[in-house]
């Protein structure tokens, strides 16, 4: 039985390899700025932790830790009325779509980012509308189309995964008010990292409007597992009635909860570190821009370097990894086949020397990149 299935897998792998898309870089689980590999130390610009938090909660704080206390702390951080925890970001996205929407409703999401939200909506079958990136004209077009449905939920990334730029919240709120939609902001790349006290991108805009829902991962708030949905009290109350209790199946331990609780307190006071991350990011961008590389605008600690097609992008990422620089290759179908790119993320642990070393590696392979127009 397995022989037939094995041959099918080998055929698919061969097709991936022939297309130049085979990933030999592996998966990096460490969030440190510099990690050890079989080939020696590597500069990690793929998934570094924003801050080097070495939280070791006391036994008393572990004893006193509770999910409800952490939920309240996250709600306070995001200026939300209530909050509920989930096992993972995918679980949170699925719960949001499954338990708030039904066949009479509309889900409007970013075709570039919210894959888990799209998957979660499979079960409740709302009508789905996709917009691209932060194109407000496209968002308005989809909102107009969604007027046929009873309720409309627009989910938008706080930080664009493909460029690092931040969401245009002012214009987004204007559109959702005009077309009677509720807003869910994915704060995964924002909460803890952006804004005064780490409160996310909402603090960067002068607007009287607020998002009814905020969703995100706990990784930037101190622990590797878990996610949250924060927002209006009645929304969270309904989710709490319709979703299973997290203690029954969640990998979040009381020690994790205590660590996250302490981390949120620590992160709130790290405005200097947040400013440093933006400074070191801009320094890196200037270095690479001077090499003639194309870099879309960004206002976060994440940015993209345009590379062309998928095979070229994978080849560049592999070459960088061999030279000790780890980045993310964002290729088709996540982006259009001629708009592939490298995604680079920085942390407060990255130094100026790290950036200069990485820039010199980029300089050594500039011939592999398309010329900037």
Protein backbone atom coordinates (compact mmCIF):
# COMPACT_ATOMS: atom_id res chain seq x y z
CA UNK A 1 0.00 0.00 0.00
CA UNK A 2 2.65 2.49 0.99
CA UNK A 3 4.72 1.84 -2.16
CA UNK A 4 2.10 3.48 -4.38
CA UNK A 5 1.75 6.41 -2.00
CA UNK A 6 5.55 6.70 -1.69
CA UNK A 7 5.89 6.92 -5.47
CA UNK A 8 3.32 9.69 -5.53
CA UNK A 9 5.26 11.61 -2.87
CA UNK A 10 8.56 11.11 -4.71
CA UNK A 11 6.97 12.38 -7.91
CA UNK A 12 5.72 15.52 -6.15
CA UNK A 13 9.11 16.11 -4.52
CA UNK A 14 10.82 15.69 -7.89
CA UNK A 15 8.50 18.30 -9.41
CA UNK A 16 9.31 20.72 -6.58
CA UNK A 17 13.02 20.09 -7.06
CA UNK A 18 12.79 20.52 -10.86
CA UNK A 19 11.09 23.87 -10.29
CA UNK A 20 14.01 24.94 -8.09
CA UNK A 21 11.81 25.20 -5.00
CA UNK A 22 13.17 22.38 -2.84
CA UNK A 23 13.84 23.65 0.68
CA UNK A 24 17.09 22.33 2.11
CA UNK A 25 17.44 24.99 4.81
CA UNK A 26 15.26 23.14 7.31
CA UNK A 27 13.16 24.69 10.05
CA UNK A 28 14.69 26.93 12.65
CA UNK A 29 13.02 26.64 16.04
CA UNK A 30 15.27 29.00 17.97
CA UNK A 31 14.26 32.63 18.29
CA UNK A 32 17.72 33.88 19.25
CA UNK A 33 19.41 36.52 17.11
CA UNK A 34 22.40 34.22 16.58
CA UNK A 35 21.83 30.47 16.47
CA UNK A 36 24.10 27.46 16.18
CA UNK A 37 23.79 25.08 13.25
CA UNK A 38 25.72 22.17 11.79
CA UNK A 39 27.61 24.71 9.67
CA UNK A 40 28.40 27.03 12.56
CA UNK A 41 26.73 30.18 13.93
CA UNK A 42 24.03 31.82 11.83
CA UNK A 43 22.48 35.27 11.99
CA UNK A 44 18.77 34.67 12.47
CA UNK A 45 16.60 37.15 10.58
CA UNK A 46 13.84 34.58 10.06
CA UNK A 47 12.05 34.33 13.39
CA UNK A 48 13.93 36.14 16.17
CA UNK A 49 12.17 36.88 19.43
CA UNK A 50 11.60 40.67 19.56
CA UNK A 51 13.09 40.91 23.06
CA UNK A 52 15.47 38.73 25.00
CA UNK A 53 13.19 37.87 27.92
CA UNK A 54 14.62 35.54 30.49
CA UNK A 55 11.59 35.34 32.75
CA UNK A 56 11.80 32.78 35.54
CA UNK A 57 8.58 33.07 37.55
CA UNK A 58 8.71 32.39 41.26
CA UNK A 59 6.96 29.35 42.67
CA UNK A 60 4.46 31.65 44.35
CA UNK A 61 3.59 33.38 41.07
CA UNK A 62 3.20 29.97 39.42
CA UNK A 63 0.90 28.90 42.22
CA UNK A 64 -1.20 32.04 41.78
CA UNK A 65 -1.24 31.93 37.98
CA UNK A 66 -4.56 31.44 36.24
CA UNK A 67 -5.89 31.67 32.71
CA UNK A 68 -8.44 34.29 33.75
CA UNK A 69 -5.73 36.56 35.16
CA UNK A 70 -3.70 36.32 31.94
CA UNK A 71 -6.79 36.99 29.84
CA UNK A 72 -7.48 40.15 31.86
CA UNK A 73 -3.87 41.30 31.47
CA UNK A 74 -3.97 40.86 27.70
CA UNK A 75 -7.30 42.69 27.51
CA UNK A 76 -5.81 45.59 29.48
CA UNK A 77 -2.72 45.65 27.23
CA UNK A 78 -4.87 45.96 24.12
CA UNK A 79 -7.49 48.24 25.70
CA UNK A 80 -10.15 45.59 25.08
CA UNK A 81 -13.17 44.73 27.20
CA UNK A 82 -12.45 41.01 27.47
CA UNK A 83 -10.19 38.21 26.20
CA UNK A 84 -10.17 34.44 25.68
CA UNK A 85 -7.15 32.15 25.22
CA UNK A 86 -6.71 29.36 22.67
CA UNK A 87 -4.19 26.60 22.00
CA UNK A 88 -2.77 28.20 18.85
CA UNK A 89 -3.31 31.06 16.38
CA UNK A 90 -4.97 28.61 13.98
CA UNK A 91 -7.43 27.54 16.70
CA UNK A 92 -8.23 31.17 17.48
CA UNK A 93 -8.82 32.00 13.81
CA UNK A 94 -11.03 28.95 13.32
CA UNK A 95 -13.04 29.74 16.44
CA UNK A 96 -13.55 33.32 15.33
CA UNK A 97 -14.93 32.26 11.95
CA UNK A 98 -16.86 29.23 13.16
CA UNK A 99 -18.63 30.72 16.15
CA UNK A 100 -19.33 34.28 15.08
CA UNK A 101 -20.32 33.74 11.44
CA UNK A 102 -22.79 31.54 9.62
CA UNK A 103 -24.02 31.03 6.06
CA UNK A 104 -25.78 34.40 5.99
CA UNK A 105 -22.60 36.35 6.82
CA UNK A 106 -19.50 37.53 4.96
CA UNK A 107 -15.83 37.05 5.80
CA UNK A 108 -13.52 39.58 4.14
CA UNK A 109 -9.87 38.69 4.51
CA UNK A 110 -6.42 39.34 3.09
CA UNK A 111 -5.59 36.80 0.38
CA UNK A 112 -1.92 37.25 1.28
CA UNK A 113 -2.07 36.53 4.97
CA UNK A 114 -5.03 35.02 6.75
CA UNK A 115 -4.87 31.41 5.54
CA UNK A 116 -6.00 30.01 8.91
CA UNK A 117 -8.99 32.36 8.93
CA UNK A 118 -9.98 31.11 5.48
CA UNK A 119 -9.63 27.51 6.60
CA UNK A 120 -11.65 28.08 9.74
CA UNK A 121 -14.46 29.54 7.71
CA UNK A 122 -14.78 26.29 5.79
CA UNK A 123 -17.01 24.82 8.48
CA UNK A 124 -19.49 27.65 8.88
CA UNK A 125 -19.57 28.47 5.17
CA UNK A 126 -19.84 32.26 5.22
CA UNK A 127 -19.50 33.97 1.87
CA UNK A 128 -15.81 34.76 1.48
CA UNK A 129 -14.32 37.84 -0.13
CA UNK A 130 -10.58 38.32 -0.64
CA UNK A 131 -8.66 41.57 -0.91
CA UNK A 132 -4.96 41.95 -1.58
CA UNK A 133 -2.49 43.52 0.83
CA UNK A 134 -3.50 46.93 2.14
CA UNK A 135 -5.20 48.05 -1.08
CA UNK A 136 -8.04 50.19 0.29
CA UNK A 137 -9.70 50.36 -3.13
CA UNK A 138 -9.83 46.59 -3.21
CA UNK A 139 -11.08 46.50 0.39
CA UNK A 140 -13.89 48.91 -0.52
CA UNK A 141 -14.76 46.81 -3.57
CA UNK A 142 -15.12 43.68 -1.44
CA UNK A 143 -17.16 45.54 1.19
CA UNK A 144 -19.56 46.68 -1.51
CA UNK A 145 -19.94 43.12 -2.78
CA UNK A 146 -20.53 41.89 0.77
CA UNK A 147 -23.59 44.11 1.25
CA UNK A 148 -25.71 41.14 0.19
CA UNK A 149 -24.84 39.37 3.45
CA UNK A 150 -26.34 40.02 6.88
CA UNK A 151 -23.09 40.67 8.78
CA UNK A 152 -19.61 41.51 7.52
CA UNK A 153 -16.35 40.70 9.31
CA UNK A 154 -13.23 42.34 7.90
CA UNK A 155 -9.97 40.96 9.22
CA UNK A 156 -6.79 42.89 8.59
CA UNK A 157 -3.17 42.27 9.57
CA UNK A 158 -1.68 44.93 11.83
CA UNK A 159 1.59 44.37 9.98
CA UNK A 160 1.66 43.23 6.36
CA UNK A 161 3.50 39.89 6.27
CA UNK A 162 4.78 40.63 2.77
CA UNK A 163 6.25 44.11 3.31
CA UNK A 164 6.37 44.88 7.03
CA UNK A 165 4.24 47.97 6.55
CA UNK A 166 1.47 48.73 9.02
CA UNK A 167 -2.25 48.69 8.27
CA UNK A 168 -3.93 51.96 7.21
CA UNK A 169 -6.36 51.90 10.13
CA UNK A 170 -7.85 55.37 9.63
CA UNK A 171 -9.03 54.65 6.10
CA UNK A 172 -10.02 51.09 7.08
CA UNK A 173 -12.27 52.32 9.89
CA UNK A 174 -13.82 54.89 7.56
CA UNK A 175 -14.68 52.14 5.08
CA UNK A 176 -16.08 49.73 7.65
CA UNK A 177 -18.24 52.49 9.15
CA UNK A 178 -19.52 53.36 5.70
CA UNK A 179 -20.33 49.76 4.78
CA UNK A 180 -21.42 48.52 8.21
CA UNK A 181 -18.68 45.96 8.89
CA UNK A 182 -16.96 44.92 12.09
CA UNK A 183 -13.15 44.84 12.23
CA UNK A 184 -10.78 42.19 13.50
CA UNK A 185 -7.10 43.20 13.68
CA UNK A 186 -4.49 40.45 13.66
CA UNK A 187 -1.98 41.79 16.19
CA UNK A 188 0.44 38.86 15.91
CA UNK A 189 3.28 41.01 14.54
CA UNK A 190 2.24 44.11 16.46
CA UNK A 191 1.24 43.52 20.10
CA UNK A 192 4.25 43.80 22.37
CA UNK A 193 6.44 45.17 19.56
CA UNK A 194 4.74 48.31 18.27
CA UNK A 195 3.30 51.32 20.04
CA UNK A 196 3.72 52.88 23.45
CA UNK A 197 3.84 50.14 26.05
CA UNK A 198 3.62 47.50 23.33
CA UNK A 199 -0.11 48.10 22.91
CA UNK A 200 -0.02 47.53 19.14
CA UNK A 201 -0.61 49.67 16.08
CA UNK A 202 -3.90 51.11 17.31
CA UNK A 203 -1.91 53.53 19.49
CA UNK A 204 -0.21 54.96 16.38
CA UNK A 205 -3.41 56.37 14.90
CA UNK A 206 -5.47 59.37 15.93
CA UNK A 207 -8.92 57.90 15.55
CA UNK A 208 -12.03 57.60 17.65
CA UNK A 209 -12.83 54.23 16.11
CA UNK A 210 -11.70 50.96 17.65
CA UNK A 211 -11.57 47.41 16.38
CA UNK A 212 -14.28 45.17 17.77
CA UNK A 213 -11.86 42.23 17.76
CA UNK A 214 -8.09 41.78 18.18
CA UNK A 215 -6.45 38.43 17.58
CA UNK A 216 -2.86 37.32 18.04
CA UNK A 217 -0.18 34.92 19.20
CA UNK A 218 1.29 34.77 22.70
CA UNK A 219 4.83 34.39 21.32
CA UNK A 220 5.59 38.11 21.47
CA UNK A 221 4.07 38.21 24.96
CA UNK A 222 6.47 35.73 26.48
CA UNK A 223 5.57 32.10 25.68
CA UNK A 224 5.84 29.91 22.60
CA UNK A 225 2.37 28.37 22.64
CA UNK A 226 -1.11 29.80 22.71
CA UNK A 227 -3.12 32.61 21.17
CA UNK A 228 -5.87 35.01 22.14
CA UNK A 229 -8.96 36.79 20.92
CA UNK A 230 -9.64 40.09 22.65
CA UNK A 231 -12.47 42.52 22.03
CA UNK A 232 -16.01 43.50 22.87
CA UNK A 233 -17.35 41.68 25.92
CA UNK A 234 -20.39 40.14 24.23
CA UNK A 235 -18.19 38.73 21.45
CA UNK A 236 -15.85 37.08 23.93
CA UNK A 237 -18.76 35.86 26.06
CA UNK A 238 -20.30 34.13 23.05
CA UNK A 239 -16.97 32.55 22.07
CA UNK A 240 -16.55 31.32 25.62
CA UNK A 241 -19.93 29.57 25.47
CA UNK A 242 -19.27 27.93 22.13
CA UNK A 243 -15.65 26.85 22.38
CA UNK A 244 -14.21 24.10 24.51
CA UNK A 245 -12.45 25.04 27.72
CA UNK A 246 -8.75 25.62 27.16
CA UNK A 247 -7.47 23.79 30.29
CA UNK A 248 -8.78 20.49 28.90
CA UNK A 249 -6.48 20.42 25.90
CA UNK A 250 -4.10 23.39 25.89
CA UNK A 251 -0.35 22.95 26.18
CA UNK A 252 -0.21 26.16 28.22
CA UNK A 253 0.97 25.28 31.71
CA UNK A 254 0.59 27.38 34.85
CA UNK A 255 4.31 28.13 34.63
CA UNK A 256 3.78 29.40 31.06
CA UNK A 257 0.91 31.55 32.27
CA UNK A 258 3.01 33.01 35.08
CA UNK A 259 5.87 33.69 32.63
CA UNK A 260 3.53 35.40 30.16
CA UNK A 261 2.04 37.48 32.94
CA UNK A 262 5.48 38.68 34.02
CA UNK A 263 6.59 39.18 30.39
CA UNK A 264 3.69 41.50 29.63
CA UNK A 265 4.70 43.65 32.61
CA UNK A 266 8.31 43.69 31.38
CA UNK A 267 7.41 44.38 27.74
CA UNK A 268 5.24 47.34 28.72
CA UNK A 269 8.37 49.15 29.96
CA UNK A 270 10.56 48.35 26.95
CA UNK A 271 9.91 51.48 24.91
CA UNK A 272 13.67 52.05 24.56
CA UNK A 273 14.11 48.55 23.12
CA UNK A 274 11.18 49.08 20.74
CA UNK A 275 12.77 52.27 19.47
CA UNK A 276 16.10 50.47 19.05
CA UNK A 277 14.50 47.74 16.92
CA UNK A 278 13.15 50.37 14.52
CA UNK A 279 16.54 52.10 14.39
CA UNK A 280 18.50 48.91 13.66
CA UNK A 281 15.90 47.93 11.04
CA UNK A 282 16.25 51.28 9.25
CA UNK A 283 20.03 50.90 9.41
CA UNK A 284 19.81 47.51 7.72
CA UNK A 285 17.40 48.83 5.08
CA UNK A 286 19.76 51.70 4.20
CA UNK A 287 22.66 49.27 3.89
CA UNK A 288 20.77 47.04 1.47
CA UNK A 289 19.21 49.92 -0.45
CA UNK A 290 22.69 51.28 -1.13
CA UNK A 291 23.49 47.91 -2.73
CA UNK A 292 20.76 48.57 -5.31
CA UNK A 293 18.21 46.16 -3.81
CA UNK A 294 14.48 46.90 -4.04
CA UNK A 295 12.78 47.27 -0.65
CA UNK A 296 9.09 48.22 -0.30
CA UNK A 297 8.20 50.84 2.36
CA UNK A 298 7.89 49.56 5.92
CA UNK A 299 7.14 51.01 9.35
CA UNK A 300 7.95 47.97 11.48
CA UNK A 301 10.89 45.72 12.37
CA UNK A 302 10.06 43.56 9.35
CA UNK A 303 10.92 44.33 5.74
CA UNK A 304 11.09 42.69 2.33
CA UNK A 305 13.77 42.48 -0.34
CA UNK A 306 12.31 41.85 -3.79
CA UNK A 307 13.87 38.93 -5.64
CA UNK A 308 11.72 38.11 -8.68
CA UNK A 309 10.58 34.54 -9.31
CA UNK A 310 10.32 31.60 -6.90
CA UNK A 311 13.38 29.67 -8.05
CA UNK A 312 15.59 32.75 -7.81
CA UNK A 313 14.24 33.55 -4.35
CA UNK A 314 14.85 30.03 -3.05
CA UNK A 315 18.35 30.05 -4.53
CA UNK A 316 19.18 33.36 -2.86
CA UNK A 317 17.81 32.21 0.50
CA UNK A 318 19.82 28.98 0.28
CA UNK A 319 23.00 30.86 -0.63
CA UNK A 320 22.51 33.27 2.26
CA UNK A 321 21.98 30.34 4.65
CA UNK A 322 25.21 28.71 3.48
CA UNK A 323 26.96 32.00 4.22
CA UNK A 324 25.45 32.22 7.72
CA UNK A 325 22.42 34.47 7.21
CA UNK A 326 18.97 32.99 7.75
CA UNK A 327 15.96 34.74 6.15
CA UNK A 328 12.45 33.77 5.04
CA UNK A 329 11.72 33.12 1.36
CA UNK A 330 8.18 34.22 0.51
CA UNK A 331 7.27 32.61 -2.80
CA UNK A 332 4.28 31.67 -4.92
CA UNK A 333 1.45 30.95 -4.26
CA UNK A 334 1.67 33.19 -1.16
CA UNK A 335 2.64 36.05 -3.49
CA UNK A 336 2.38 36.36 -7.27
CA UNK A 337 5.04 34.37 -9.11
CA UNK A 338 6.96 37.45 -10.28
CA UNK A 339 6.74 39.30 -6.92
CA UNK A 340 8.63 36.84 -4.68
CA UNK A 341 10.78 38.24 -1.92
CA UNK A 342 12.92 37.67 1.13
CA UNK A 343 11.41 38.63 4.47
CA UNK A 344 13.81 39.94 7.12
CA UNK A 345 12.85 40.43 10.77
CA UNK A 346 14.99 42.09 13.43
CA UNK A 347 15.02 42.04 17.19
CA UNK A 348 16.45 44.04 20.06
CA UNK A 349 19.20 41.40 20.32
CA UNK A 350 20.59 42.16 16.86
CA UNK A 351 23.61 44.44 16.94
CA UNK A 352 25.03 46.90 14.45
CA UNK A 353 27.84 44.41 13.85
CA UNK A 354 25.29 41.70 13.02
CA UNK A 355 23.68 43.95 10.45
CA UNK A 356 26.99 44.96 8.90
CA UNK A 357 28.05 41.31 8.63
CA UNK A 358 24.76 40.37 7.02
CA UNK A 359 24.94 43.33 4.63
CA UNK A 360 28.40 42.23 3.50
CA UNK A 361 26.99 38.78 2.71
CA UNK A 362 24.21 40.38 0.67
CA UNK A 363 26.82 42.48 -1.12
CA UNK A 364 28.73 39.34 -2.12
CA UNK A 365 25.69 37.96 -3.96
CA UNK A 366 24.08 41.12 -5.39
CA UNK A 367 24.45 39.65 -8.88
CA UNK A 368 21.70 37.16 -7.99
CA UNK A 369 19.14 39.96 -7.39
CA UNK A 370 17.14 41.73 -10.12
CA UNK A 371 18.20 45.30 -10.81
CA UNK A 372 16.19 47.98 -9.00
CA UNK A 373 13.97 49.96 -11.37
